[in-house]
Amino acid sequence: MADDTLIIYEEEINLIESLMSKMLKGAEAKCALLVDKDGHLITRQGFTHSLDTTALAALLAGSFASTSEIARLVGEEEFSVLFHQGKKDHIHMSLVGERSILVVVFDDRTTIGMVRLYAKEASAELARIFEQVKAKSTSGAKPGISDEFADMTQDKLDDIFQD
């Protein structure tokens, strides 16, 4: 089985958090979580202080996994968007690429249409970021280290250990 591990560096995390913050403001939502399909929290933005985001991330990933099985049973490949409506708060979940879920928690100060619009835009941009991260990891590129510096360092290490 191929290694699905994806390493996200600080530069990408900052870009992701900025994008999520912009989405929250546009949609007038309370908070957003980015969760991998295994239930690990990647990052969060907004008013999350009253939420157990670790447990929430795991439960939301489980919810998406069970819904994927329901989709298969009714002949769909997958449901890419889920919505849970409560009395006060609502949750919108959407797939981001192949491995992540964007979760937006919002209340009646905004509409599901606004959340869907901004989440769709954010999901597309997040998918592009993840593709760039994946491309970096498969090429072996390390952020912040130029090829020339890496070659020079390797040459010095070779000199040290050949003596």
Protein backbone atom coordinates (compact mmCIF):
# COMPACT_ATOMS: atom_id res chain seq x y z
CA MET A 1 0.00 0.00 0.00
CA ALA A 2 1.30 3.46 -0.86
CA ASP A 3 2.13 5.90 1.89
CA ASP A 4 -0.71 8.44 2.16
CA THR A 5 1.16 10.64 4.62
CA LEU A 6 1.11 14.28 3.66
CA ILE A 7 3.38 16.72 5.43
CA ILE A 8 2.01 20.24 5.59
CA TYR A 9 4.58 22.88 6.48
CA GLU A 10 4.04 26.17 8.27
CA GLU A 11 3.88 28.14 5.02
CA GLU A 12 0.95 26.03 3.78
CA ILE A 13 -0.77 26.04 7.19
CA ASN A 14 -0.63 29.85 7.22
CA LEU A 15 -2.12 29.93 3.72
CA ILE A 16 -4.87 27.45 4.73
CA GLU A 17 -5.71 29.38 7.90
CA SER A 18 -5.88 32.66 5.99
CA LEU A 19 -8.20 31.09 3.44
CA MET A 20 -10.44 29.62 6.14
CA SER A 21 -10.57 32.94 7.99
CA LYS A 22 -11.60 34.72 4.79
CA MET A 23 -14.32 32.10 4.21
CA LEU A 24 -15.66 32.54 7.75
CA LYS A 25 -15.93 36.30 7.34
CA GLY A 26 -17.63 36.03 3.97
CA ALA A 27 -20.12 33.39 5.10
CA GLU A 28 -20.60 35.02 8.51
CA ALA A 29 -20.09 31.62 10.14
CA LYS A 30 -18.96 30.85 13.69
CA CYS A 31 -16.03 28.54 13.06
CA ALA A 32 -14.44 26.15 10.62
CA LEU A 33 -12.40 22.98 11.00
CA LEU A 34 -10.25 21.21 8.47
CA VAL A 35 -10.19 17.51 9.25
CA ASP A 36 -8.52 14.61 7.48
CA LYS A 37 -10.62 11.56 6.63
CA ASP A 38 -8.98 9.65 9.49
CA GLY A 39 -10.47 12.13 11.96
CA HIS A 40 -7.37 14.17 12.77
CA LEU A 41 -7.79 17.91 13.11
CA ILE A 42 -5.54 19.73 10.65
CA THR A 43 -6.45 23.26 11.70
CA ARG A 44 -9.32 25.38 12.96
CA GLN A 45 -10.45 28.98 12.73
CA GLY A 46 -13.07 31.09 14.45
CA PHE A 47 -14.82 30.66 17.79
CA THR A 48 -13.80 27.15 18.81
CA HIS A 49 -13.04 27.76 22.49
CA SER A 50 -16.26 26.07 23.65
CA LEU A 51 -15.84 23.04 21.37
CA ASP A 52 -13.89 19.85 21.94
CA THR A 53 -12.44 20.09 18.45
CA THR A 54 -10.42 16.86 18.73
CA ALA A 55 -13.51 14.77 19.52
CA LEU A 56 -15.59 16.73 17.02
CA ALA A 57 -13.06 16.08 14.25
CA ALA A 58 -13.11 12.33 14.90
CA LEU A 59 -16.91 12.19 15.01
CA LEU A 60 -17.33 14.27 11.86
CA ALA A 61 -14.91 12.03 9.95
CA GLY A 62 -16.88 9.02 11.20
CA SER A 63 -20.10 10.63 10.06
CA PHE A 64 -18.62 11.20 6.62
CA ALA A 65 -17.36 7.61 6.47
CA SER A 66 -20.77 6.16 7.32
CA THR A 67 -22.46 8.45 4.81
CA SER A 68 -20.02 7.27 2.15
CA GLU A 69 -21.25 3.73 2.74
CA ILE A 70 -24.87 4.91 2.48
CA ALA A 71 -23.99 6.62 -0.83
CA ARG A 72 -22.51 3.38 -2.13
CA LEU A 73 -25.65 1.45 -1.14
CA VAL A 74 -27.89 3.82 -3.11
CA GLY A 75 -25.62 3.76 -6.15
CA GLU A 76 -23.66 6.97 -5.63
CA GLU A 77 -19.88 7.06 -5.58
CA GLU A 78 -19.90 9.43 -2.62
CA PHE A 79 -21.87 12.32 -1.17
CA SER A 80 -19.51 15.30 -1.28
CA VAL A 81 -21.57 17.63 0.95
CA LEU A 82 -23.39 16.94 4.22
CA PHE A 83 -25.56 19.26 6.24
CA HIS A 84 -26.80 18.89 9.81
CA GLN A 85 -29.45 21.33 11.00
CA GLY A 86 -30.01 22.04 14.68
CA LYS A 87 -32.22 24.44 16.59
CA LYS A 88 -29.43 27.00 17.03
CA ASP A 89 -26.35 25.76 15.25
CA HIS A 90 -25.86 23.99 11.96
CA ILE A 91 -22.95 22.09 10.42
CA HIS A 92 -21.95 22.07 6.76
CA MET A 93 -19.33 19.51 5.70
CA SER A 94 -17.73 19.22 2.29
CA LEU A 95 -14.99 17.08 0.83
CA VAL A 96 -11.72 18.76 -0.03
CA GLY A 97 -9.84 16.71 -2.57
CA GLU A 98 -9.46 13.07 -1.66
CA ARG A 99 -8.35 13.28 1.93
CA SER A 100 -9.89 16.18 3.85
CA ILE A 101 -13.21 17.54 5.06
CA LEU A 102 -14.02 21.22 5.49
CA VAL A 103 -16.47 21.70 8.37
CA VAL A 104 -18.30 24.99 8.89
CA VAL A 105 -20.38 25.64 12.02
CA PHE A 106 -22.89 28.45 11.69
CA ASP A 107 -26.12 29.77 13.17
CA ASP A 108 -29.19 31.66 11.93
CA ARG A 109 -27.24 34.88 11.36
CA THR A 110 -26.39 33.50 7.93
CA THR A 111 -27.96 31.13 5.41
CA ILE A 112 -27.00 27.70 4.15
CA GLY A 113 -26.68 29.23 0.69
CA MET A 114 -24.01 31.68 1.83
CA VAL A 115 -22.14 28.95 3.67
CA ARG A 116 -22.30 26.62 0.65
CA LEU A 117 -21.06 29.36 -1.69
CA TYR A 118 -18.04 30.30 0.43
CA ALA A 119 -17.27 26.70 1.43
CA LYS A 120 -17.29 25.63 -2.23
CA GLU A 121 -14.83 28.38 -3.15
CA ALA A 122 -12.63 27.59 -0.15
CA SER A 123 -12.72 23.85 -0.89
CA ALA A 124 -11.50 24.41 -4.44
CA GLU A 125 -8.63 26.58 -3.24
CA LEU A 126 -7.76 24.13 -0.44
CA ALA A 127 -7.67 21.29 -2.96
CA ARG A 128 -5.16 23.28 -5.04
CA ILE A 129 -3.01 23.85 -1.95
CA PHE A 130 -3.08 20.13 -1.13
CA GLU A 131 -2.08 19.28 -4.71
CA GLN A 132 0.91 21.62 -4.39
CA VAL A 133 1.86 20.01 -1.07
CA LYS A 134 1.56 16.56 -2.61
CA ALA A 135 3.70 17.62 -5.58
CA LYS A 136 6.38 18.96 -3.22
CA SER A 137 6.42 15.76 -1.20
CA THR A 138 6.68 13.50 -4.27
CA SER A 139 9.47 15.61 -5.77
CA GLY A 140 11.36 15.59 -2.48
CA ALA A 141 11.46 19.38 -2.33
CA LYS A 142 11.78 20.86 1.10
CA PRO A 143 10.42 24.36 1.67
CA GLY A 144 13.00 27.01 2.40
CA ILE A 145 15.98 24.92 1.26
CA SER A 146 17.35 25.71 -2.15
CA ASP A 147 18.68 22.90 -4.33
CA GLU A 148 22.08 24.59 -4.40
CA PHE A 149 22.24 24.73 -0.59
CA ALA A 150 21.09 21.10 -0.29
CA ASP A 151 23.75 19.98 -2.83
CA MET A 152 26.46 21.96 -1.04
CA THR A 153 25.46 20.46 2.31
CA GLN A 154 25.45 16.94 0.85
CA ASP A 155 28.93 17.52 -0.61
CA LYS A 156 30.24 18.66 2.79
CA LEU A 157 28.73 15.62 4.51
CA ASP A 158 30.29 13.35 1.89
CA ASP A 159 33.69 14.98 2.52
CA ILE A 160 33.38 14.51 6.29
CA PHE A 161 32.40 10.88 6.18
CA GLN A 162 34.87 9.86 3.43
CA ASP A 163 37.90 10.81 5.50
